[in-house]
Amino acid sequence: MLKYCPQLTQTIAVEKVKEMLADIVKSCLEKAREQQRTEGYLKLERGFATIPLPGIDVPFHSRYLWAGVMPFRACECHLASMNI
């Protein structure tokens, strides 16, 4: 990931950047675990690269996963038509 942020690694040491990113991830994980503990579930929130849509768990924006989206949707539509 750091290869995409050359300006950042020019002003801050790579190890420091890795440490900062690890702290961000740990903080997000702690927040999610606390929310799950208190509310019993995780509430999805809009982020810079995500728009949660209730009931839809297909990452349709991902080129890597795109090949599996249509088969998933076909299966999902089939199940929906069966009222499962």
PDB file of N, CA and C in Angstrom:
ATOM      1  N   MET A   1       0.818  -1.191   0.000  1.00  0.00           N
ATOM      2  CA  MET A   1       0.000   0.000   0.000  1.00  0.00           C
ATOM      3  C   MET A   1       0.862   1.255   0.000  1.00  0.00           C
ATOM      4  N   LEU A   2       1.987   1.191   0.668  1.00  0.00           N
ATOM      5  CA  LEU A   2       2.820   2.377   0.787  1.00  0.00           C
ATOM      6  C   LEU A   2       3.407   2.831  -0.545  1.00  0.00           C
ATOM      7  N   LYS A   3       3.465   1.926  -1.516  1.00  0.00           N
ATOM      8  CA  LYS A   3       3.978   2.333  -2.824  1.00  0.00           C
ATOM      9  C   LYS A   3       3.039   3.331  -3.500  1.00  0.00           C
ATOM     10  N   TYR A   4       1.782   3.389  -3.045  1.00  0.00           N
ATOM     11  CA  TYR A   4       0.813   4.326  -3.611  1.00  0.00           C
ATOM     12  C   TYR A   4       0.858   5.693  -2.922  1.00  0.00           C
ATOM     13  N   CYS A   5       1.652   5.806  -1.873  1.00  0.00           N
ATOM     14  CA  CYS A   5       1.739   7.051  -1.109  1.00  0.00           C
ATOM     15  C   CYS A   5       3.192   7.523  -1.007  1.00  0.00           C
ATOM     16  N   PRO A   6       3.853   7.762  -2.119  1.00  0.00           N
ATOM     17  CA  PRO A   6       5.276   8.115  -2.037  1.00  0.00           C
ATOM     18  C   PRO A   6       5.540   9.418  -1.273  1.00  0.00           C
ATOM     19  N   GLN A   7       4.632  10.379  -1.352  1.00  0.00           N
ATOM     20  CA  GLN A   7       4.841  11.641  -0.631  1.00  0.00           C
ATOM     21  C   GLN A   7       4.835  11.418   0.874  1.00  0.00           C
ATOM     22  N   LEU A   8       3.964  10.534   1.325  1.00  0.00           N
ATOM     23  CA  LEU A   8       3.864  10.256   2.749  1.00  0.00           C
ATOM     24  C   LEU A   8       5.153   9.636   3.273  1.00  0.00           C
ATOM     25  N   THR A   9       5.702   8.696   2.536  1.00  0.00           N
ATOM     26  CA  THR A   9       6.913   8.031   2.992  1.00  0.00           C
ATOM     27  C   THR A   9       8.152   8.915   2.836  1.00  0.00           C
ATOM     28  N   GLN A  10       8.046  10.011   2.117  1.00  0.00           N
ATOM     29  CA  GLN A  10       9.158  10.954   2.024  1.00  0.00           C
ATOM     30  C   GLN A  10       9.224  11.846   3.251  1.00  0.00           C
ATOM     31  N   THR A  11       8.093  12.090   3.890  1.00  0.00           N
ATOM     32  CA  THR A  11       8.067  12.969   5.064  1.00  0.00           C
ATOM     33  C   THR A  11       8.058  12.208   6.380  1.00  0.00           C
ATOM     34  N   ILE A  12       7.608  10.950   6.361  1.00  0.00           N
ATOM     35  CA  ILE A  12       7.543  10.128   7.567  1.00  0.00           C
ATOM     36  C   ILE A  12       8.186   8.786   7.246  1.00  0.00           C
ATOM     37  N   ALA A  13       8.950   8.259   8.168  1.00  0.00           N
ATOM     38  CA  ALA A  13       9.601   6.967   7.956  1.00  0.00           C
ATOM     39  C   ALA A  13       8.564   5.878   7.695  1.00  0.00           C
ATOM     40  N   VAL A  14       8.920   4.934   6.832  1.00  0.00           N
ATOM     41  CA  VAL A  14       8.016   3.853   6.463  1.00  0.00           C
ATOM     42  C   VAL A  14       7.532   3.093   7.697  1.00  0.00           C
ATOM     43  N   GLU A  15       8.413   2.810   8.616  1.00  0.00           N
ATOM     44  CA  GLU A  15       8.014   2.084   9.832  1.00  0.00           C
ATOM     45  C   GLU A  15       6.988   2.873  10.639  1.00  0.00           C
ATOM     46  N   LYS A  16       7.138   4.195  10.681  1.00  0.00           N
ATOM     47  CA  LYS A  16       6.185   5.039  11.402  1.00  0.00           C
ATOM     48  C   LYS A  16       4.825   5.012  10.705  1.00  0.00           C
ATOM     49  N   VAL A  17       4.823   5.052   9.389  1.00  0.00           N
ATOM     50  CA  VAL A  17       3.576   4.996   8.628  1.00  0.00           C
ATOM     51  C   VAL A  17       2.867   3.667   8.895  1.00  0.00           C
ATOM     52  N   LYS A  18       3.628   2.570   8.887  1.00  0.00           N
ATOM     53  CA  LYS A  18       3.055   1.252   9.166  1.00  0.00           C
ATOM     54  C   LYS A  18       2.465   1.218  10.573  1.00  0.00           C
ATOM     55  N   GLU A  19       3.164   1.809  11.512  1.00  0.00           N
ATOM     56  CA  GLU A  19       2.677   1.869  12.895  1.00  0.00           C
ATOM     57  C   GLU A  19       1.377   2.673  12.982  1.00  0.00           C
ATOM     58  N   MET A  20       1.339   3.797  12.285  1.00  0.00           N
ATOM     59  CA  MET A  20       0.144   4.638  12.289  1.00  0.00           C
ATOM     60  C   MET A  20      -1.047   3.901  11.663  1.00  0.00           C
ATOM     61  N   LEU A  21      -0.819   3.202  10.560  1.00  0.00           N
ATOM     62  CA  LEU A  21      -1.885   2.446   9.910  1.00  0.00           C
ATOM     63  C   LEU A  21      -2.383   1.316  10.814  1.00  0.00           C
ATOM     64  N   ALA A  22      -1.459   0.658  11.494  1.00  0.00           N
ATOM     65  CA  ALA A  22      -1.850  -0.412  12.423  1.00  0.00           C
ATOM     66  C   ALA A  22      -2.709   0.154  13.545  1.00  0.00           C
ATOM     67  N   ASP A  23      -2.373   1.339  14.042  1.00  0.00           N
ATOM     68  CA  ASP A  23      -3.170   1.978  15.090  1.00  0.00           C
ATOM     69  C   ASP A  23      -4.583   2.305  14.598  1.00  0.00           C
ATOM     70  N   ILE A  24      -4.693   2.757  13.367  1.00  0.00           N
ATOM     71  CA  ILE A  24      -6.004   3.079  12.791  1.00  0.00           C
ATOM     72  C   ILE A  24      -6.849   1.816  12.695  1.00  0.00           C
ATOM     73  N   VAL A  25      -6.256   0.737  12.197  1.00  0.00           N
ATOM     74  CA  VAL A  25      -6.986  -0.525  12.055  1.00  0.00           C
ATOM     75  C   VAL A  25      -7.412  -1.042  13.426  1.00  0.00           C
ATOM     76  N   LYS A  26      -6.510  -1.000  14.405  1.00  0.00           N
ATOM     77  CA  LYS A  26      -6.848  -1.455  15.761  1.00  0.00           C
ATOM     78  C   LYS A  26      -7.992  -0.638  16.350  1.00  0.00           C
ATOM     79  N   SER A  27      -7.958   0.667  16.134  1.00  0.00           N
ATOM     80  CA  SER A  27      -9.008   1.545  16.646  1.00  0.00           C
ATOM     81  C   SER A  27     -10.356   1.205  16.015  1.00  0.00           C
ATOM     82  N   CYS A  28     -10.370   0.973  14.714  1.00  0.00           N
ATOM     83  CA  CYS A  28     -11.617   0.616  14.025  1.00  0.00           C
ATOM     84  C   CYS A  28     -12.145  -0.732  14.508  1.00  0.00           C
ATOM     85  N   LEU A  29     -11.245  -1.677  14.709  1.00  0.00           N
ATOM     86  CA  LEU A  29     -11.652  -2.994  15.188  1.00  0.00           C
ATOM     87  C   LEU A  29     -12.237  -2.905  16.594  1.00  0.00           C
ATOM     88  N   GLU A  30     -11.597  -2.128  17.454  1.00  0.00           N
ATOM     89  CA  GLU A  30     -12.114  -1.946  18.814  1.00  0.00           C
ATOM     90  C   GLU A  30     -13.499  -1.307  18.799  1.00  0.00           C
ATOM     91  N   LYS A  31     -13.679  -0.309  17.942  1.00  0.00           N
ATOM     92  CA  LYS A  31     -14.970   0.360  17.822  1.00  0.00           C
ATOM     93  C   LYS A  31     -16.048  -0.616  17.358  1.00  0.00           C
ATOM     94  N   ALA A  32     -15.712  -1.456  16.367  1.00  0.00           N
ATOM     95  CA  ALA A  32     -16.671  -2.430  15.853  1.00  0.00           C
ATOM     96  C   ALA A  32     -17.019  -3.469  16.918  1.00  0.00           C
ATOM     97  N   ARG A  33     -16.016  -3.942  17.641  1.00  0.00           N
ATOM     98  CA  ARG A  33     -16.275  -4.933  18.687  1.00  0.00           C
ATOM     99  C   ARG A  33     -17.136  -4.343  19.805  1.00  0.00           C
ATOM    100  N   GLU A  34     -16.887  -3.101  20.158  1.00  0.00           N
ATOM    101  CA  GLU A  34     -17.680  -2.446  21.198  1.00  0.00           C
ATOM    102  C   GLU A  34     -19.126  -2.282  20.745  1.00  0.00           C
ATOM    103  N   GLN A  35     -19.318  -1.877  19.498  1.00  0.00           N
ATOM    104  CA  GLN A  35     -20.672  -1.727  18.970  1.00  0.00           C
ATOM    105  C   GLN A  35     -21.391  -3.070  18.947  1.00  0.00           C
ATOM    106  N   GLN A  36     -20.698  -4.117  18.541  1.00  0.00           N
ATOM    107  CA  GLN A  36     -21.321  -5.439  18.514  1.00  0.00           C
ATOM    108  C   GLN A  36     -21.656  -5.901  19.927  1.00  0.00           C
ATOM    109  N   ARG A  37     -20.789  -5.598  20.877  1.00  0.00           N
ATOM    110  CA  ARG A  37     -21.023  -5.995  22.264  1.00  0.00           C
ATOM    111  C   ARG A  37     -22.230  -5.261  22.854  1.00  0.00           C
ATOM    112  N   THR A  38     -22.347  -3.966  22.587  1.00  0.00           N
ATOM    113  CA  THR A  38     -23.423  -3.176  23.181  1.00  0.00           C
ATOM    114  C   THR A  38     -24.753  -3.292  22.441  1.00  0.00           C
ATOM    115  N   GLU A  39     -24.699  -3.389  21.111  1.00  0.00           N
ATOM    116  CA  GLU A  39     -25.928  -3.402  20.322  1.00  0.00           C
ATOM    117  C   GLU A  39     -26.291  -4.784  19.787  1.00  0.00           C
ATOM    118  N   GLY A  40     -25.347  -5.710  19.841  1.00  0.00           N
ATOM    119  CA  GLY A  40     -25.601  -7.054  19.356  1.00  0.00           C
ATOM    120  C   GLY A  40     -25.374  -7.239  17.867  1.00  0.00           C
ATOM    121  N   TYR A  41     -25.051  -6.182  17.171  1.00  0.00           N
ATOM    122  CA  TYR A  41     -24.802  -6.259  15.736  1.00  0.00           C
ATOM    123  C   TYR A  41     -23.896  -5.103  15.328  1.00  0.00           C
ATOM    124  N   LEU A  42     -23.392  -5.158  14.113  1.00  0.00           N
ATOM    125  CA  LEU A  42     -22.584  -4.069  13.573  1.00  0.00           C
ATOM    126  C   LEU A  42     -23.435  -3.237  12.626  1.00  0.00           C
ATOM    127  N   LYS A  43     -23.432  -1.946  12.827  1.00  0.00           N
ATOM    128  CA  LYS A  43     -24.158  -1.040  11.940  1.00  0.00           C
ATOM    129  C   LYS A  43     -23.170  -0.560  10.875  1.00  0.00           C
ATOM    130  N   LEU A  44     -23.471  -0.877   9.629  1.00  0.00           N
ATOM    131  CA  LEU A  44     -22.597  -0.439   8.546  1.00  0.00           C
ATOM    132  C   LEU A  44     -22.773   1.051   8.320  1.00  0.00           C
ATOM    133  N   GLU A  45     -21.663   1.725   8.103  1.00  0.00           N
ATOM    134  CA  GLU A  45     -21.690   3.164   7.869  1.00  0.00           C
ATOM    135  C   GLU A  45     -21.011   3.491   6.552  1.00  0.00           C
ATOM    136  N   ARG A  46     -21.424   4.577   5.956  1.00  0.00           N
ATOM    137  CA  ARG A  46     -20.803   5.015   4.714  1.00  0.00           C
ATOM    138  C   ARG A  46     -19.376   5.457   4.990  1.00  0.00           C
ATOM    139  N   GLY A  47     -18.494   5.067   4.103  1.00  0.00           N
ATOM    140  CA  GLY A  47     -17.091   5.452   4.225  1.00  0.00           C
ATOM    141  C   GLY A  47     -16.627   6.102   2.937  1.00  0.00           C
ATOM    142  N   PHE A  48     -15.314   6.276   2.803  1.00  0.00           N
ATOM    143  CA  PHE A  48     -14.777   6.884   1.592  1.00  0.00           C
ATOM    144  C   PHE A  48     -14.991   5.994   0.371  1.00  0.00           C
ATOM    145  N   ALA A  49     -14.941   4.672   0.578  1.00  0.00           N
ATOM    146  CA  ALA A  49     -15.045   3.752  -0.552  1.00  0.00           C
ATOM    147  C   ALA A  49     -16.217   2.785  -0.427  1.00  0.00           C
ATOM    148  N   THR A  50     -17.095   3.026   0.530  1.00  0.00           N
ATOM    149  CA  THR A  50     -18.208   2.102   0.723  1.00  0.00           C
ATOM    150  C   THR A  50     -19.526   2.844   0.890  1.00  0.00           C
ATOM    151  N   ILE A  51     -20.564   2.235   0.385  1.00  0.00           N
ATOM    152  CA  ILE A  51     -21.924   2.720   0.594  1.00  0.00           C
ATOM    153  C   ILE A  51     -22.741   1.496   0.977  1.00  0.00           C
ATOM    154  N   PRO A  52     -22.979   1.303   2.278  1.00  0.00           N
ATOM    155  CA  PRO A  52     -23.721   0.111   2.676  1.00  0.00           C
ATOM    156  C   PRO A  52     -25.175   0.165   2.222  1.00  0.00           C
ATOM    157  N   LEU A  53     -25.622  -0.916   1.651  1.00  0.00           N
ATOM    158  CA  LEU A  53     -27.005  -1.047   1.209  1.00  0.00           C
ATOM    159  C   LEU A  53     -27.599  -2.231   1.953  1.00  0.00           C
ATOM    160  N   PRO A  54     -28.552  -1.989   2.845  1.00  0.00           N
ATOM    161  CA  PRO A  54     -29.125  -3.084   3.627  1.00  0.00           C
ATOM    162  C   PRO A  54     -29.628  -4.219   2.735  1.00  0.00           C
ATOM    163  N   GLY A  55     -29.231  -5.434   3.077  1.00  0.00           N
ATOM    164  CA  GLY A  55     -29.671  -6.600   2.328  1.00  0.00           C
ATOM    165  C   GLY A  55     -28.818  -6.942   1.124  1.00  0.00           C
ATOM    166  N   ILE A  56     -27.888  -6.089   0.767  1.00  0.00           N
ATOM    167  CA  ILE A  56     -27.029  -6.351  -0.391  1.00  0.00           C
ATOM    168  C   ILE A  56     -25.602  -6.497   0.102  1.00  0.00           C
ATOM    169  N   ASP A  57     -25.036  -7.676  -0.127  1.00  0.00           N
ATOM    170  CA  ASP A  57     -23.669  -7.896   0.307  1.00  0.00           C
ATOM    171  C   ASP A  57     -22.759  -8.260  -0.850  1.00  0.00           C
ATOM    172  N   VAL A  58     -23.094  -7.788  -2.037  1.00  0.00           N
ATOM    173  CA  VAL A  58     -22.295  -8.048  -3.227  1.00  0.00           C
ATOM    174  C   VAL A  58     -21.399  -6.849  -3.499  1.00  0.00           C
ATOM    175  N   PRO A  59     -20.086  -7.055  -3.499  1.00  0.00           N
ATOM    176  CA  PRO A  59     -19.171  -5.945  -3.795  1.00  0.00           C
ATOM    177  C   PRO A  59     -19.115  -5.694  -5.302  1.00  0.00           C
ATOM    178  N   PHE A  60     -20.197  -5.153  -5.859  1.00  0.00           N
ATOM    179  CA  PHE A  60     -20.323  -4.999  -7.301  1.00  0.00           C
ATOM    180  C   PHE A  60     -19.324  -4.025  -7.900  1.00  0.00           C
ATOM    181  N   HIS A  61     -18.656  -3.232  -7.074  1.00  0.00           N
ATOM    182  CA  HIS A  61     -17.696  -2.250  -7.570  1.00  0.00           C
ATOM    183  C   HIS A  61     -16.312  -2.851  -7.774  1.00  0.00           C
ATOM    184  N   SER A  62     -16.102  -4.077  -7.336  1.00  0.00           N
ATOM    185  CA  SER A  62     -14.791  -4.694  -7.378  1.00  0.00           C
ATOM    186  C   SER A  62     -14.570  -5.425  -8.694  1.00  0.00           C
ATOM    187  N   ARG A  63     -13.560  -5.029  -9.445  1.00  0.00           N
ATOM    188  CA  ARG A  63     -13.249  -5.729 -10.699  1.00  0.00           C
ATOM    189  C   ARG A  63     -12.781  -7.145 -10.415  1.00  0.00           C
ATOM    190  N   TYR A  64     -12.088  -7.326  -9.307  1.00  0.00           N
ATOM    191  CA  TYR A  64     -11.576  -8.642  -8.941  1.00  0.00           C
ATOM    192  C   TYR A  64     -12.729  -9.612  -8.676  1.00  0.00           C
ATOM    193  N   LEU A  65     -13.771  -9.147  -8.038  1.00  0.00           N
ATOM    194  CA  LEU A  65     -14.896 -10.013  -7.670  1.00  0.00           C
ATOM    195  C   LEU A  65     -16.040  -9.983  -8.674  1.00  0.00           C
ATOM    196  N   TRP A  66     -15.940  -9.145  -9.696  1.00  0.00           N
ATOM    197  CA  TRP A  66     -17.046  -8.954 -10.623  1.00  0.00           C
ATOM    198  C   TRP A  66     -17.494 -10.249 -11.284  1.00  0.00           C
ATOM    199  N   ALA A  67     -16.583 -11.153 -11.576  1.00  0.00           N
ATOM    200  CA  ALA A  67     -16.947 -12.399 -12.267  1.00  0.00           C
ATOM    201  C   ALA A  67     -17.936 -13.235 -11.454  1.00  0.00           C
ATOM    202  N   GLY A  68     -17.942 -13.092 -10.146  1.00  0.00           N
ATOM    203  CA  GLY A  68     -18.851 -13.869  -9.323  1.00  0.00           C
ATOM    204  C   GLY A  68     -20.150 -13.167  -8.991  1.00  0.00           C
ATOM    205  N   VAL A  69     -20.289 -11.909  -9.375  1.00  0.00           N
ATOM    206  CA  VAL A  69     -21.474 -11.135  -9.007  1.00  0.00           C
ATOM    207  C   VAL A  69     -22.721 -11.641  -9.727  1.00  0.00           C
ATOM    208  N   MET A  70     -22.643 -11.851 -11.023  1.00  0.00           N
ATOM    209  CA  MET A  70     -23.831 -12.266 -11.777  1.00  0.00           C
ATOM    210  C   MET A  70     -24.338 -13.641 -11.313  1.00  0.00           C
ATOM    211  N   PRO A  71     -23.456 -14.636 -11.128  1.00  0.00           N
ATOM    212  CA  PRO A  71     -23.963 -15.909 -10.596  1.00  0.00           C
ATOM    213  C   PRO A  71     -24.598 -15.746  -9.213  1.00  0.00           C
ATOM    214  N   PHE A  72     -24.010 -14.893  -8.382  1.00  0.00           N
ATOM    215  CA  PHE A  72     -24.574 -14.651  -7.057  1.00  0.00           C
ATOM    216  C   PHE A  72     -25.948 -14.014  -7.167  1.00  0.00           C
ATOM    217  N   ARG A  73     -26.074 -13.023  -8.028  1.00  0.00           N
ATOM    218  CA  ARG A  73     -27.362 -12.356  -8.208  1.00  0.00           C
ATOM    219  C   ARG A  73     -28.412 -13.322  -8.744  1.00  0.00           C
ATOM    220  N   ALA A  74     -28.005 -14.200  -9.658  1.00  0.00           N
ATOM    221  CA  ALA A  74     -28.948 -15.174 -10.207  1.00  0.00           C
ATOM    222  C   ALA A  74     -29.449 -16.095  -9.100  1.00  0.00           C
ATOM    223  N   CYS A  75     -28.555 -16.541  -8.264  1.00  0.00           N
ATOM    224  CA  CYS A  75     -28.933 -17.407  -7.147  1.00  0.00           C
ATOM    225  C   CYS A  75     -29.812 -16.640  -6.160  1.00  0.00           C
ATOM    226  N   GLU A  76     -29.417 -15.395  -5.886  1.00  0.00           N
ATOM    227  CA  GLU A  76     -30.167 -14.556  -4.955  1.00  0.00           C
ATOM    228  C   GLU A  76     -31.582 -14.318  -5.477  1.00  0.00           C
ATOM    229  N   CYS A  77     -31.722 -14.054  -6.784  1.00  0.00           N
ATOM    230  CA  CYS A  77     -33.046 -13.821  -7.372  1.00  0.00           C
ATOM    231  C   CYS A  77     -33.876 -15.097  -7.319  1.00  0.00           C
ATOM    232  N   HIS A  78     -33.247 -16.226  -7.580  1.00  0.00           N
ATOM    233  CA  HIS A  78     -33.950 -17.508  -7.514  1.00  0.00           C
ATOM    234  C   HIS A  78     -34.480 -17.754  -6.119  1.00  0.00           C
ATOM    235  N   LEU A  79     -33.664 -17.513  -5.106  1.00  0.00           N
ATOM    236  CA  LEU A  79     -34.088 -17.707  -3.721  1.00  0.00           C
ATOM    237  C   LEU A  79     -35.196 -16.724  -3.346  1.00  0.00           C
ATOM    238  N   ALA A  80     -35.078 -15.487  -3.830  1.00  0.00           N
ATOM    239  CA  ALA A  80     -36.094 -14.469  -3.519  1.00  0.00           C
ATOM    240  C   ALA A  80     -37.439 -14.864  -4.130  1.00  0.00           C
ATOM    241  N   SER A  81     -37.402 -15.425  -5.319  1.00  0.00           N
ATOM    242  CA  SER A  81     -38.659 -15.823  -5.962  1.00  0.00           C
ATOM    243  C   SER A  81     -39.319 -16.998  -5.243  1.00  0.00           C
ATOM    244  N   MET A  82     -38.519 -17.739  -4.469  1.00  0.00           N
ATOM    245  CA  MET A  82     -39.049 -18.866  -3.713  1.00  0.00           C
ATOM    246  C   MET A  82     -39.548 -18.434  -2.348  1.00  0.00           C
ATOM    247  N   ASN A  83     -39.403 -17.131  -2.037  1.00  0.00           N
ATOM    248  CA  ASN A  83     -39.801 -16.564  -0.737  1.00  0.00           C
ATOM    249  C   ASN A  83     -39.129 -17.260   0.437  1.00  0.00           C
ATOM    250  N   ILE A  84     -37.846 -17.490   0.285  1.00  0.00           N
ATOM    251  CA  ILE A  84     -37.082 -18.120   1.375  1.00  0.00           C
ATOM    252  C   ILE A  84     -36.582 -17.047   2.309  1.00  0.00           C
TER     253      ILE A  84
END
